[in-house]
Amino acid sequence: MDVIETWTGQEACYLQAALRDSNEGFASRLGVAVRTVATWHRDPTIVPRSEIQQALDTLHEKAPEGARRRFARMFRPPTDEVQPQALRVAISVVVRGSQVLLVCRRGDGALSWQFPAGMIKPGASSQVVTVQETHAETGVHSAVREHLGSRLHPATGVTCDYWLCEHLAGEAENRDPIENTDVAWVPIRDLARFIPADKIFPPILAALEAHA
């Protein structure tokens, strides 16, 4: 049986799939919130807390033999199988007047302000993901106005799709306190105080100039 030294959101999602659980069913087995499971799907690199690591260990050890085999196949796929598609993320640049929406993320012991984002699963629409994940994270309803381009992120190596979106309704609130510490509308002219300008995809800066 595979021994998982450190569970990440990715391995947790493999175990969920192997058990054929819904988000609600898997959360119930582990004794965590449904949103925690949803967060693992959005960001498979997340490392759960130690108590959740132990719960995942126990669930894996007690899983039926068939489920363990399915998990092992996903965790260590045969070398002749087609490799999974590269991780893609939809980034939402949501504008309201002269303001832009940001979230403050936890990660690696530090906090960082970023644009709302969500993982694009195989077969999913990047445009749909950007709108859905923005609402899930912040409570803000938005509409896509323009595709700002795509790139391989220089820090993470993840393929990012960038979308300029318009605020439709909803006040900004932190609906994902596990992943984020805060959500805020920030004046576009002050954006560099939150995210260094040299870290921002240039087409974003160009698109925001018209709204500053």
N, C-alpha and C. Protein backbone atom coordinates (compact mmCIF):
# COMPACT_ATOMS: atom_id res chain seq x y z
N MET A 1 0.85 -1.20 0.00
CA MET A 1 0.00 0.00 0.00
C MET A 1 0.88 1.24 0.00
N ASP A 2 0.51 2.25 -0.80
CA ASP A 2 1.29 3.48 -0.84
C ASP A 2 1.26 4.18 0.51
N VAL A 3 2.41 4.72 0.90
CA VAL A 3 2.51 5.51 2.12
C VAL A 3 2.68 6.97 1.71
N ILE A 4 1.79 7.82 2.15
CA ILE A 4 1.85 9.24 1.81
C ILE A 4 2.58 9.96 2.92
N GLU A 5 3.76 10.47 2.60
CA GLU A 5 4.54 11.18 3.61
C GLU A 5 3.85 12.49 3.99
N THR A 6 3.42 13.24 3.00
CA THR A 6 2.70 14.50 3.24
C THR A 6 1.56 14.61 2.24
N TRP A 7 0.35 14.71 2.76
CA TRP A 7 -0.81 14.86 1.90
C TRP A 7 -0.89 16.29 1.39
N THR A 8 -1.21 16.43 0.12
CA THR A 8 -1.56 17.74 -0.44
C THR A 8 -3.01 17.66 -0.91
N GLY A 9 -3.54 18.79 -1.37
CA GLY A 9 -4.89 18.77 -1.90
C GLY A 9 -5.04 17.79 -3.04
N GLN A 10 -3.97 17.62 -3.85
CA GLN A 10 -4.03 16.71 -4.99
C GLN A 10 -4.27 15.27 -4.54
N GLU A 11 -3.45 14.79 -3.57
CA GLU A 11 -3.62 13.41 -3.10
C GLU A 11 -4.97 13.22 -2.41
N ALA A 12 -5.40 14.27 -1.68
CA ALA A 12 -6.71 14.18 -1.02
C ALA A 12 -7.82 14.01 -2.06
N CYS A 13 -7.71 14.75 -3.17
CA CYS A 13 -8.72 14.63 -4.24
C CYS A 13 -8.65 13.27 -4.91
N TYR A 14 -7.43 12.70 -5.02
CA TYR A 14 -7.31 11.34 -5.56
C TYR A 14 -8.05 10.36 -4.65
N LEU A 15 -7.88 10.52 -3.34
CA LEU A 15 -8.55 9.61 -2.41
C LEU A 15 -10.06 9.78 -2.49
N GLN A 16 -10.52 11.01 -2.60
CA GLN A 16 -11.96 11.25 -2.75
C GLN A 16 -12.50 10.55 -3.99
N ALA A 17 -11.77 10.68 -5.10
CA ALA A 17 -12.20 10.04 -6.35
C ALA A 17 -12.18 8.53 -6.22
N ALA A 18 -11.16 8.00 -5.54
CA ALA A 18 -11.05 6.55 -5.37
C ALA A 18 -12.21 6.01 -4.54
N LEU A 19 -12.67 6.80 -3.57
CA LEU A 19 -13.80 6.39 -2.73
C LEU A 19 -15.15 6.70 -3.39
N ARG A 20 -15.07 7.42 -4.51
CA ARG A 20 -16.26 7.84 -5.27
C ARG A 20 -17.21 8.66 -4.38
N ASP A 21 -16.62 9.56 -3.61
CA ASP A 21 -17.39 10.41 -2.71
C ASP A 21 -17.69 11.75 -3.36
N SER A 22 -18.83 12.33 -3.00
CA SER A 22 -19.11 13.72 -3.33
C SER A 22 -18.28 14.58 -2.37
N ASN A 23 -18.23 15.88 -2.63
CA ASN A 23 -17.54 16.77 -1.70
C ASN A 23 -18.13 16.67 -0.30
N GLU A 24 -19.46 16.58 -0.26
CA GLU A 24 -20.14 16.50 1.04
C GLU A 24 -19.81 15.19 1.76
N GLY A 25 -19.84 14.08 1.01
CA GLY A 25 -19.55 12.79 1.62
C GLY A 25 -18.11 12.69 2.11
N PHE A 26 -17.17 13.21 1.32
CA PHE A 26 -15.76 13.15 1.69
C PHE A 26 -15.50 14.03 2.91
N ALA A 27 -16.11 15.22 2.93
CA ALA A 27 -15.95 16.12 4.07
C ALA A 27 -16.48 15.47 5.34
N SER A 28 -17.61 14.76 5.22
CA SER A 28 -18.20 14.09 6.38
C SER A 28 -17.27 13.00 6.91
N ARG A 29 -16.67 12.22 6.02
CA ARG A 29 -15.75 11.16 6.45
C ARG A 29 -14.57 11.74 7.24
N LEU A 30 -14.09 12.90 6.79
CA LEU A 30 -12.89 13.49 7.40
C LEU A 30 -13.20 14.40 8.58
N GLY A 31 -14.46 14.80 8.70
CA GLY A 31 -14.82 15.72 9.77
C GLY A 31 -14.36 17.14 9.49
N VAL A 32 -14.40 17.54 8.20
CA VAL A 32 -14.01 18.89 7.82
C VAL A 32 -15.17 19.56 7.10
N ALA A 33 -15.03 20.86 6.85
CA ALA A 33 -16.07 21.60 6.14
C ALA A 33 -16.04 21.25 4.65
N VAL A 34 -17.19 21.30 4.01
CA VAL A 34 -17.27 21.03 2.57
C VAL A 34 -16.38 22.01 1.81
N ARG A 35 -16.31 23.26 2.28
CA ARG A 35 -15.49 24.26 1.60
C ARG A 35 -14.01 23.89 1.63
N THR A 36 -13.59 23.16 2.68
CA THR A 36 -12.19 22.72 2.72
C THR A 36 -11.89 21.79 1.55
N VAL A 37 -12.81 20.87 1.29
CA VAL A 37 -12.62 19.94 0.17
C VAL A 37 -12.64 20.71 -1.15
N ALA A 38 -13.56 21.66 -1.28
CA ALA A 38 -13.63 22.46 -2.50
C ALA A 38 -12.33 23.24 -2.72
N THR A 39 -11.72 23.70 -1.63
CA THR A 39 -10.45 24.43 -1.73
C THR A 39 -9.35 23.54 -2.28
N TRP A 40 -9.34 22.26 -1.88
CA TRP A 40 -8.32 21.33 -2.41
C TRP A 40 -8.47 21.17 -3.91
N HIS A 41 -9.70 21.19 -4.40
CA HIS A 41 -9.91 21.06 -5.84
C HIS A 41 -9.41 22.31 -6.57
N ARG A 42 -9.58 23.49 -5.95
CA ARG A 42 -9.14 24.72 -6.59
C ARG A 42 -7.63 24.86 -6.55
N ASP A 43 -7.02 24.43 -5.44
CA ASP A 43 -5.57 24.57 -5.31
C ASP A 43 -4.99 23.26 -4.80
N PRO A 44 -4.61 22.34 -5.70
CA PRO A 44 -4.13 21.03 -5.29
C PRO A 44 -2.77 21.05 -4.61
N THR A 45 -2.11 22.21 -4.54
CA THR A 45 -0.80 22.28 -3.88
C THR A 45 -0.92 22.55 -2.38
N ILE A 46 -2.13 22.84 -1.90
CA ILE A 46 -2.32 23.12 -0.48
C ILE A 46 -1.93 21.92 0.37
N VAL A 47 -1.24 22.18 1.49
CA VAL A 47 -0.89 21.13 2.44
C VAL A 47 -1.82 21.27 3.65
N PRO A 48 -2.72 20.31 3.88
CA PRO A 48 -3.66 20.40 5.00
C PRO A 48 -2.96 20.40 6.36
N ARG A 49 -3.67 20.86 7.37
CA ARG A 49 -3.15 20.89 8.74
C ARG A 49 -2.85 19.48 9.24
N SER A 50 -2.04 19.37 10.31
CA SER A 50 -1.57 18.07 10.80
C SER A 50 -2.72 17.15 11.19
N GLU A 51 -3.77 17.70 11.81
CA GLU A 51 -4.89 16.85 12.22
C GLU A 51 -5.64 16.29 11.01
N ILE A 52 -5.69 17.07 9.93
CA ILE A 52 -6.33 16.58 8.71
C ILE A 52 -5.42 15.56 8.03
N GLN A 53 -4.10 15.77 8.10
CA GLN A 53 -3.15 14.77 7.59
C GLN A 53 -3.42 13.41 8.25
N GLN A 54 -3.60 13.42 9.56
CA GLN A 54 -3.86 12.17 10.29
C GLN A 54 -5.18 11.55 9.88
N ALA A 55 -6.20 12.40 9.69
CA ALA A 55 -7.50 11.88 9.27
C ALA A 55 -7.42 11.25 7.88
N LEU A 56 -6.64 11.86 6.99
CA LEU A 56 -6.45 11.31 5.65
C LEU A 56 -5.70 9.98 5.71
N ASP A 57 -4.67 9.91 6.58
CA ASP A 57 -3.94 8.65 6.78
C ASP A 57 -4.90 7.53 7.18
N THR A 58 -5.74 7.83 8.17
CA THR A 58 -6.66 6.83 8.70
C THR A 58 -7.67 6.40 7.63
N LEU A 59 -8.22 7.37 6.92
CA LEU A 59 -9.21 7.06 5.88
C LEU A 59 -8.58 6.21 4.78
N HIS A 60 -7.35 6.52 4.41
CA HIS A 60 -6.64 5.75 3.38
C HIS A 60 -6.39 4.32 3.86
N GLU A 61 -5.96 4.17 5.10
CA GLU A 61 -5.65 2.84 5.63
C GLU A 61 -6.90 1.96 5.74
N LYS A 62 -8.05 2.59 6.04
CA LYS A 62 -9.28 1.82 6.25
C LYS A 62 -10.13 1.71 4.99
N ALA A 63 -9.67 2.30 3.89
CA ALA A 63 -10.44 2.25 2.65
C ALA A 63 -10.54 0.82 2.13
N PRO A 64 -11.64 0.46 1.47
CA PRO A 64 -11.77 -0.88 0.87
C PRO A 64 -10.64 -1.13 -0.14
N GLU A 65 -10.34 -2.40 -0.36
CA GLU A 65 -9.24 -2.76 -1.24
C GLU A 65 -9.39 -2.15 -2.63
N GLY A 66 -10.61 -2.18 -3.17
CA GLY A 66 -10.83 -1.61 -4.50
C GLY A 66 -10.51 -0.13 -4.54
N ALA A 67 -10.91 0.59 -3.49
CA ALA A 67 -10.63 2.03 -3.44
C ALA A 67 -9.13 2.28 -3.34
N ARG A 68 -8.42 1.45 -2.57
CA ARG A 68 -6.97 1.62 -2.45
C ARG A 68 -6.28 1.38 -3.79
N ARG A 69 -6.78 0.40 -4.56
CA ARG A 69 -6.20 0.14 -5.87
C ARG A 69 -6.43 1.33 -6.81
N ARG A 70 -7.65 1.87 -6.75
CA ARG A 70 -7.95 3.04 -7.60
C ARG A 70 -7.06 4.22 -7.21
N PHE A 71 -6.89 4.42 -5.90
CA PHE A 71 -6.03 5.51 -5.43
C PHE A 71 -4.59 5.30 -5.93
N ALA A 72 -4.08 4.08 -5.79
CA ALA A 72 -2.71 3.80 -6.20
C ALA A 72 -2.52 4.06 -7.69
N ARG A 73 -3.54 3.76 -8.49
CA ARG A 73 -3.43 3.96 -9.94
C ARG A 73 -3.37 5.45 -10.27
N MET A 74 -4.12 6.27 -9.51
CA MET A 74 -4.07 7.71 -9.74
C MET A 74 -2.78 8.32 -9.18
N PHE A 75 -2.36 7.80 -8.02
CA PHE A 75 -1.17 8.34 -7.35
C PHE A 75 0.11 7.99 -8.10
N ARG A 76 0.17 6.75 -8.63
CA ARG A 76 1.34 6.31 -9.39
C ARG A 76 0.85 5.68 -10.70
N PRO A 77 0.44 6.50 -11.66
CA PRO A 77 -0.09 5.95 -12.92
C PRO A 77 0.99 5.20 -13.69
N PRO A 78 0.61 4.15 -14.44
CA PRO A 78 1.58 3.44 -15.27
C PRO A 78 2.28 4.40 -16.21
N THR A 79 3.56 4.15 -16.46
CA THR A 79 4.35 5.08 -17.27
C THR A 79 3.86 5.18 -18.70
N ASP A 80 3.11 4.16 -19.18
CA ASP A 80 2.65 4.23 -20.57
C ASP A 80 1.31 4.94 -20.70
N GLU A 81 0.74 5.40 -19.56
CA GLU A 81 -0.52 6.12 -19.64
C GLU A 81 -0.27 7.56 -20.08
N VAL A 82 -1.27 8.18 -20.69
CA VAL A 82 -1.18 9.58 -21.06
C VAL A 82 -1.05 10.41 -19.79
N GLN A 83 -0.10 11.31 -19.78
CA GLN A 83 0.11 12.14 -18.60
C GLN A 83 -1.03 13.16 -18.45
N PRO A 84 -1.38 13.52 -17.22
CA PRO A 84 -2.45 14.51 -17.04
C PRO A 84 -2.06 15.85 -17.62
N GLN A 85 -3.08 16.64 -17.98
CA GLN A 85 -2.80 17.93 -18.58
C GLN A 85 -2.14 18.85 -17.55
N ALA A 86 -1.34 19.80 -18.05
CA ALA A 86 -0.68 20.75 -17.17
C ALA A 86 -1.73 21.57 -16.41
N LEU A 87 -1.39 21.93 -15.19
CA LEU A 87 -2.31 22.70 -14.37
C LEU A 87 -2.55 24.06 -14.99
N ARG A 88 -3.83 24.44 -15.13
CA ARG A 88 -4.22 25.74 -15.66
C ARG A 88 -5.09 26.46 -14.64
N VAL A 89 -4.90 27.75 -14.56
CA VAL A 89 -5.63 28.57 -13.60
C VAL A 89 -6.23 29.77 -14.31
N ALA A 90 -7.47 30.10 -13.96
CA ALA A 90 -8.14 31.29 -14.49
C ALA A 90 -7.97 32.42 -13.48
N ILE A 91 -7.47 33.56 -13.93
CA ILE A 91 -7.24 34.72 -13.08
C ILE A 91 -8.27 35.80 -13.41
N SER A 92 -8.95 36.33 -12.39
CA SER A 92 -10.01 37.32 -12.59
C SER A 92 -9.54 38.72 -12.18
N VAL A 93 -9.54 39.63 -13.13
CA VAL A 93 -9.22 41.03 -12.84
C VAL A 93 -10.55 41.78 -12.88
N VAL A 94 -11.20 41.87 -11.72
CA VAL A 94 -12.56 42.41 -11.64
C VAL A 94 -12.50 43.90 -11.29
N VAL A 95 -13.11 44.71 -12.14
CA VAL A 95 -13.08 46.16 -11.98
C VAL A 95 -14.46 46.68 -11.58
N ARG A 96 -14.46 47.61 -10.62
CA ARG A 96 -15.67 48.33 -10.22
C ARG A 96 -15.31 49.81 -10.18
N GLY A 97 -15.71 50.53 -11.23
CA GLY A 97 -15.31 51.93 -11.31
C GLY A 97 -13.80 52.05 -11.40
N SER A 98 -13.20 52.73 -10.42
CA SER A 98 -11.74 52.91 -10.40
C SER A 98 -11.08 51.98 -9.40
N GLN A 99 -11.78 50.88 -9.06
CA GLN A 99 -11.25 49.92 -8.09
C GLN A 99 -11.09 48.55 -8.73
N VAL A 100 -10.20 47.73 -8.16
CA VAL A 100 -10.00 46.37 -8.62
C VAL A 100 -10.07 45.43 -7.41
N LEU A 101 -10.58 44.24 -7.62
CA LEU A 101 -10.82 43.28 -6.54
C LEU A 101 -9.57 42.44 -6.28
N LEU A 102 -9.16 42.35 -5.00
CA LEU A 102 -8.01 41.54 -4.61
C LEU A 102 -8.38 40.64 -3.44
N VAL A 103 -7.65 39.53 -3.32
CA VAL A 103 -7.77 38.65 -2.16
C VAL A 103 -6.38 38.52 -1.53
N CYS A 104 -6.34 38.36 -0.22
CA CYS A 104 -5.07 38.20 0.49
C CYS A 104 -4.93 36.73 0.86
N ARG A 105 -3.98 36.05 0.22
CA ARG A 105 -3.83 34.60 0.39
C ARG A 105 -2.78 34.24 1.43
N ARG A 106 -3.05 33.10 2.11
CA ARG A 106 -2.05 32.50 2.97
C ARG A 106 -1.15 31.65 2.08
N GLY A 107 0.07 31.40 2.53
CA GLY A 107 0.93 30.52 1.76
C GLY A 107 2.38 30.64 2.17
N ASP A 108 3.02 29.48 2.43
CA ASP A 108 4.44 29.42 2.76
C ASP A 108 4.80 30.36 3.91
N GLY A 109 3.90 30.48 4.87
CA GLY A 109 4.19 31.29 6.05
C GLY A 109 4.07 32.78 5.83
N ALA A 110 3.65 33.21 4.65
CA ALA A 110 3.53 34.64 4.35
C ALA A 110 2.18 34.91 3.70
N LEU A 111 1.78 36.17 3.75
CA LEU A 111 0.53 36.59 3.12
C LEU A 111 0.87 37.35 1.84
N SER A 112 0.02 37.22 0.83
CA SER A 112 0.25 37.97 -0.41
C SER A 112 -1.09 38.34 -1.03
N TRP A 113 -1.16 39.57 -1.54
CA TRP A 113 -2.35 40.04 -2.24
C TRP A 113 -2.30 39.57 -3.68
N GLN A 114 -3.41 39.04 -4.17
CA GLN A 114 -3.48 38.50 -5.52
C GLN A 114 -4.86 38.77 -6.10
N PHE A 115 -4.99 38.56 -7.40
CA PHE A 115 -6.30 38.60 -8.03
C PHE A 115 -7.00 37.27 -7.77
N PRO A 116 -8.33 37.24 -7.66
CA PRO A 116 -9.05 35.97 -7.48
C PRO A 116 -8.68 34.98 -8.59
N ALA A 117 -8.61 33.70 -8.24
CA ALA A 117 -8.20 32.69 -9.22
C ALA A 117 -8.83 31.35 -8.88
N GLY A 118 -8.90 30.50 -9.90
CA GLY A 118 -9.44 29.16 -9.70
C GLY A 118 -8.84 28.18 -10.69
N MET A 119 -8.67 26.94 -10.26
CA MET A 119 -8.12 25.91 -11.13
C MET A 119 -9.12 25.53 -12.22
N ILE A 120 -8.63 25.34 -13.43
CA ILE A 120 -9.47 24.93 -14.57
C ILE A 120 -9.33 23.42 -14.73
N LYS A 121 -10.39 22.70 -14.44
CA LYS A 121 -10.35 21.25 -14.60
C LYS A 121 -10.45 20.87 -16.07
N PRO A 122 -9.96 19.69 -16.43
CA PRO A 122 -10.04 19.25 -17.84
C PRO A 122 -11.47 19.34 -18.35
N GLY A 123 -11.64 19.95 -19.51
CA GLY A 123 -12.96 20.07 -20.12
C GLY A 123 -13.75 21.28 -19.68
N ALA A 124 -13.28 21.98 -18.62
CA ALA A 124 -14.01 23.15 -18.13
C ALA A 124 -13.65 24.38 -18.95
N SER A 125 -14.56 25.36 -18.96
CA SER A 125 -14.35 26.61 -19.66
C SER A 125 -13.63 27.59 -18.75
N SER A 126 -12.54 28.17 -19.24
CA SER A 126 -11.80 29.15 -18.46
C SER A 126 -12.67 30.35 -18.10
N GLN A 127 -13.52 30.80 -19.02
CA GLN A 127 -14.39 31.94 -18.76
C GLN A 127 -15.40 31.63 -17.66
N VAL A 128 -15.94 30.44 -17.68
CA VAL A 128 -16.92 30.04 -16.65
C VAL A 128 -16.23 29.94 -15.29
N VAL A 129 -15.04 29.34 -15.27
CA VAL A 129 -14.31 29.18 -14.02
C VAL A 129 -13.99 30.53 -13.39
N THR A 130 -13.58 31.49 -14.21
CA THR A 130 -13.19 32.79 -13.65
C THR A 130 -14.36 33.47 -12.95
N VAL A 131 -15.55 33.34 -13.51
CA VAL A 131 -16.74 33.95 -12.90
C VAL A 131 -17.17 33.16 -11.66
N GLN A 132 -17.19 31.84 -11.76
CA GLN A 132 -17.64 31.01 -10.64
C GLN A 132 -16.72 31.12 -9.44
N GLU A 133 -15.41 31.06 -9.68
CA GLU A 133 -14.47 31.08 -8.57
C GLU A 133 -14.39 32.45 -7.91
N THR A 134 -14.57 33.50 -8.69
CA THR A 134 -14.61 34.84 -8.10
C THR A 134 -15.77 34.94 -7.11
N HIS A 135 -16.92 34.44 -7.53
CA HIS A 135 -18.08 34.48 -6.63
C HIS A 135 -17.87 33.58 -5.41
N ALA A 136 -17.29 32.39 -5.62
CA ALA A 136 -17.08 31.46 -4.51
C ALA A 136 -16.12 32.03 -3.47
N GLU A 137 -15.11 32.76 -3.93
CA GLU A 137 -14.10 33.31 -3.02
C GLU A 137 -14.54 34.60 -2.35
N THR A 138 -15.26 35.44 -3.11
CA THR A 138 -15.49 36.81 -2.64
C THR A 138 -16.95 37.24 -2.53
N GLY A 139 -17.87 36.44 -3.07
CA GLY A 139 -19.28 36.84 -3.06
C GLY A 139 -19.63 37.83 -4.14
N VAL A 140 -18.68 38.18 -5.00
CA VAL A 140 -18.89 39.17 -6.04
C VAL A 140 -19.34 38.50 -7.35
N HIS A 141 -20.43 38.98 -7.91
CA HIS A 141 -20.88 38.53 -9.23
C HIS A 141 -20.21 39.40 -10.28
N SER A 142 -19.70 38.76 -11.32
CA SER A 142 -18.98 39.52 -12.36
C SER A 142 -19.28 38.94 -13.73
N ALA A 143 -18.89 39.68 -14.75
CA ALA A 143 -19.05 39.24 -16.14
C ALA A 143 -17.75 39.47 -16.87
N VAL A 144 -17.34 38.51 -17.69
CA VAL A 144 -16.11 38.63 -18.47
C VAL A 144 -16.29 39.68 -19.56
N ARG A 145 -15.31 40.56 -19.68
CA ARG A 145 -15.34 41.59 -20.72
C ARG A 145 -14.24 41.39 -21.76
N GLU A 146 -13.09 40.85 -21.36
CA GLU A 146 -11.97 40.75 -22.31
C GLU A 146 -10.96 39.72 -21.83
N HIS A 147 -10.43 38.95 -22.79
CA HIS A 147 -9.34 38.02 -22.47
C HIS A 147 -8.04 38.80 -22.58
N LEU A 148 -7.27 38.84 -21.49
CA LEU A 148 -6.04 39.62 -21.46
C LEU A 148 -4.82 38.82 -21.88
N GLY A 149 -5.02 37.55 -22.15
CA GLY A 149 -3.91 36.72 -22.58
C GLY A 149 -3.61 35.59 -21.61
N SER A 150 -2.62 34.79 -21.95
CA SER A 150 -2.20 33.65 -21.13
C SER A 150 -0.67 33.64 -21.06
N ARG A 151 -0.15 33.01 -20.00
CA ARG A 151 1.30 32.87 -19.89
C ARG A 151 1.61 31.73 -18.91
N LEU A 152 2.84 31.25 -18.98
CA LEU A 152 3.36 30.33 -18.00
C LEU A 152 3.90 31.19 -16.86
N HIS A 153 3.29 31.09 -15.68
CA HIS A 153 3.66 31.99 -14.58
C HIS A 153 5.13 31.81 -14.24
N PRO A 154 5.91 32.90 -14.18
CA PRO A 154 7.35 32.78 -13.95
C PRO A 154 7.73 32.22 -12.59
N ALA A 155 6.85 32.35 -11.59
CA ALA A 155 7.19 31.86 -10.25
C ALA A 155 6.69 30.45 -9.99
N THR A 156 5.49 30.12 -10.49
CA THR A 156 4.88 28.83 -10.18
C THR A 156 4.96 27.81 -11.31
N GLY A 157 5.19 28.28 -12.54
CA GLY A 157 5.21 27.36 -13.68
C GLY A 157 3.83 26.92 -14.13
N VAL A 158 2.78 27.50 -13.53
CA VAL A 158 1.40 27.16 -13.88
C VAL A 158 0.94 28.01 -15.07
N THR A 159 0.17 27.42 -15.97
CA THR A 159 -0.39 28.17 -17.09
C THR A 159 -1.57 29.01 -16.58
N CYS A 160 -1.51 30.31 -16.80
CA CYS A 160 -2.53 31.23 -16.29
C CYS A 160 -3.29 31.89 -17.45
N ASP A 161 -4.61 31.89 -17.36
CA ASP A 161 -5.47 32.63 -18.29
C ASP A 161 -5.98 33.86 -17.55
N TYR A 162 -5.81 35.03 -18.13
CA TYR A 162 -6.19 36.28 -17.47
C TYR A 162 -7.42 36.88 -18.13
N TRP A 163 -8.41 37.26 -17.30
CA TRP A 163 -9.66 37.80 -17.81
C TRP A 163 -9.99 39.12 -17.12
N LEU A 164 -10.28 40.13 -17.92
CA LEU A 164 -10.79 41.39 -17.40
C LEU A 164 -12.29 41.24 -17.21
N CYS A 165 -12.76 41.49 -16.00
CA CYS A 165 -14.18 41.28 -15.68
C CYS A 165 -14.78 42.56 -15.10
N GLU A 166 -16.08 42.69 -15.26
CA GLU A 166 -16.82 43.84 -14.73
C GLU A 166 -17.69 43.41 -13.56
N HIS A 167 -17.66 44.20 -12.49
CA HIS A 167 -18.50 43.93 -11.33
C HIS A 167 -19.98 44.11 -11.69
N LEU A 168 -20.78 43.13 -11.31
CA LEU A 168 -22.22 43.21 -11.55
C LEU A 168 -23.00 43.47 -10.27
N ALA A 169 -22.67 42.71 -9.22
CA ALA A 169 -23.40 42.84 -7.96
C ALA A 169 -22.60 42.17 -6.85
N GLY A 170 -22.99 42.44 -5.62
CA GLY A 170 -22.37 41.77 -4.48
C GLY A 170 -21.26 42.57 -3.84
N GLU A 171 -21.26 42.57 -2.50
CA GLU A 171 -20.19 43.21 -1.75
C GLU A 171 -19.05 42.20 -1.53
N ALA A 172 -17.85 42.69 -1.50
CA ALA A 172 -16.69 41.81 -1.32
C ALA A 172 -16.64 41.30 0.12
N GLU A 173 -16.55 39.98 0.26
CA GLU A 173 -16.42 39.36 1.58
C GLU A 173 -15.57 38.11 1.45
N ASN A 174 -14.89 37.76 2.51
CA ASN A 174 -14.01 36.59 2.49
C ASN A 174 -14.83 35.33 2.71
N ARG A 175 -15.12 34.63 1.61
CA ARG A 175 -15.91 33.41 1.71
C ARG A 175 -15.03 32.16 1.76
N ASP A 176 -13.73 32.33 1.77
CA ASP A 176 -12.81 31.19 1.83
C ASP A 176 -11.74 31.47 2.88
N PRO A 177 -12.13 31.51 4.17
CA PRO A 177 -11.17 31.87 5.22
C PRO A 177 -10.04 30.88 5.42
N ILE A 178 -10.17 29.67 4.88
CA ILE A 178 -9.07 28.71 4.99
C ILE A 178 -7.92 29.14 4.09
N GLU A 179 -8.23 29.59 2.89
CA GLU A 179 -7.20 29.97 1.93
C GLU A 179 -6.84 31.44 2.00
N ASN A 180 -7.82 32.30 2.33
CA ASN A 180 -7.61 33.75 2.31
C ASN A 180 -7.82 34.36 3.69
N THR A 181 -7.14 35.49 3.91
CA THR A 181 -7.34 36.22 5.16
C THR A 181 -8.20 37.46 4.97
N ASP A 182 -8.30 37.94 3.73
CA ASP A 182 -9.05 39.17 3.51
C ASP A 182 -9.41 39.29 2.03
N VAL A 183 -10.42 40.12 1.75
CA VAL A 183 -10.85 40.46 0.40
C VAL A 183 -11.09 41.96 0.39
N ALA A 184 -10.68 42.65 -0.67
CA ALA A 184 -10.84 44.10 -0.66
C ALA A 184 -10.94 44.67 -2.07
N TRP A 185 -11.70 45.78 -2.17
CA TRP A 185 -11.67 46.61 -3.37
C TRP A 185 -10.55 47.61 -3.18
N VAL A 186 -9.60 47.63 -4.08
CA VAL A 186 -8.42 48.48 -3.96
C VAL A 186 -8.42 49.52 -5.08
N PRO A 187 -8.15 50.79 -4.76
CA PRO A 187 -8.03 51.78 -5.83
C PRO A 187 -6.94 51.35 -6.83
N ILE A 188 -7.27 51.41 -8.10
CA ILE A 188 -6.32 50.96 -9.12
C ILE A 188 -5.02 51.76 -9.04
N ARG A 189 -5.12 53.03 -8.70
CA ARG A 189 -3.92 53.86 -8.62
C ARG A 189 -2.99 53.40 -7.48
N ASP A 190 -3.54 52.65 -6.52
CA ASP A 190 -2.74 52.16 -5.39
C ASP A 190 -2.36 50.69 -5.53
N LEU A 191 -2.63 50.08 -6.68
CA LEU A 191 -2.42 48.65 -6.84
C LEU A 191 -0.99 48.22 -6.52
N ALA A 192 -0.02 49.05 -6.91
CA ALA A 192 1.39 48.69 -6.69
C ALA A 192 1.75 48.61 -5.20
N ARG A 193 0.93 49.20 -4.33
CA ARG A 193 1.17 49.07 -2.88
C ARG A 193 0.82 47.67 -2.39
N PHE A 194 0.00 46.95 -3.15
CA PHE A 194 -0.43 45.61 -2.76
C PHE A 194 0.33 44.53 -3.54
N ILE A 195 0.52 44.76 -4.84
CA ILE A 195 1.26 43.82 -5.69
C ILE A 195 2.33 44.61 -6.44
N PRO A 196 3.61 44.29 -6.26
CA PRO A 196 4.64 45.03 -6.99
C PRO A 196 4.36 45.03 -8.48
N ALA A 197 4.54 46.19 -9.12
CA ALA A 197 4.21 46.34 -10.53
C ALA A 197 4.96 45.35 -11.41
N ASP A 198 6.21 45.02 -11.03
CA ASP A 198 6.98 44.09 -11.86
C ASP A 198 6.51 42.65 -11.74
N LYS A 199 5.58 42.40 -10.81
CA LYS A 199 5.01 41.05 -10.65
C LYS A 199 3.68 40.91 -11.37
N ILE A 200 3.17 41.99 -11.92
CA ILE A 200 1.86 41.98 -12.56
C ILE A 200 2.02 41.77 -14.06
N PHE A 201 1.23 40.88 -14.63
CA PHE A 201 1.23 40.60 -16.07
C PHE A 201 0.99 41.92 -16.81
N PRO A 202 1.91 42.37 -17.67
CA PRO A 202 1.79 43.69 -18.32
C PRO A 202 0.44 43.99 -18.95
N PRO A 203 -0.22 43.03 -19.64
CA PRO A 203 -1.54 43.35 -20.21
C PRO A 203 -2.57 43.77 -19.15
N ILE A 204 -2.40 43.28 -17.90
CA ILE A 204 -3.30 43.71 -16.84
C ILE A 204 -3.12 45.20 -16.57
N LEU A 205 -1.87 45.64 -16.44
CA LEU A 205 -1.59 47.04 -16.18
C LEU A 205 -2.14 47.91 -17.31
N ALA A 206 -1.96 47.45 -18.54
CA ALA A 206 -2.45 48.22 -19.68
C ALA A 206 -3.97 48.35 -19.65
N ALA A 207 -4.65 47.24 -19.32
CA ALA A 207 -6.11 47.24 -19.30
C ALA A 207 -6.65 48.12 -18.18
N LEU A 208 -5.94 48.17 -17.05
CA LEU A 208 -6.42 48.94 -15.89
C LEU A 208 -6.18 50.45 -16.03
N GLU A 209 -5.28 50.82 -16.94
CA GLU A 209 -5.00 52.25 -17.11
C GLU A 209 -6.25 53.03 -17.46
N ALA A 210 -7.14 52.42 -18.22
CA ALA A 210 -8.37 53.10 -18.64
C ALA A 210 -9.34 53.31 -17.49
N HIS A 211 -9.14 52.58 -16.38
CA HIS A 211 -10.08 52.66 -15.26
C HIS A 211 -9.50 53.44 -14.07
N ALA A 212 -8.21 53.71 -14.09
CA ALA A 212 -7.57 54.36 -12.93
C ALA A 212 -8.08 55.77 -12.70
